[in-house]
Amino acid sequence: MMGYTALMPVAVPKKKRSLLPLLTALFLLSYGLMTMLIVEQGATIQSQRNMIQVLMPESRQFWANKGKEIDARQKALTQKNSQLPSNQPQAQNPSAHAPSTQAPSTQAAPQSRNGKVAKPQAQRPPVPASDLGDDRRMLRSI
């Protein structure tokens, strides 16, 4: 008998497609883009720093001139007020005839520094008694 050999299909191994080259290319591309971004940000920050350094003296000069202008206005206003006659007729000032019923102010008048008028400080409202805690029962820990 002749040898009967059955031809069995031989499994040919399939070629596995690897994603490694594609992932490597994407990795290199992303790092290249990130490097470009960092370089561009550095250039932008440097140009902003240069612009600030150029504009700073101009800003200082502007605010110095603005301060001189305010001082000049303040001096002109005080001179104008000092040149007004101090003995005005009492007929023009009706409050001079009636006694004052207002209580004296408890706030201090704004004090001037270097010819500038200070802003009055805002008063805080009083704290209600219900908001005050009992100090004896407060937990104190370090």
Foldseek 3Di string as FASTA:
>chain_A
DDDDDDDDDDDDDDDDDDCVVVVVVVVVVVVVVVVVVVVVVVVVVVVVVVVCVVCVVVVVVVVVVVVVVVLVVLVVVVVVVVPPDPDDDCVVPVVVVPDDPDDDDPFDAFDDDPSHTDDGDDDDDDDDPVPDDDVVPDDDDD
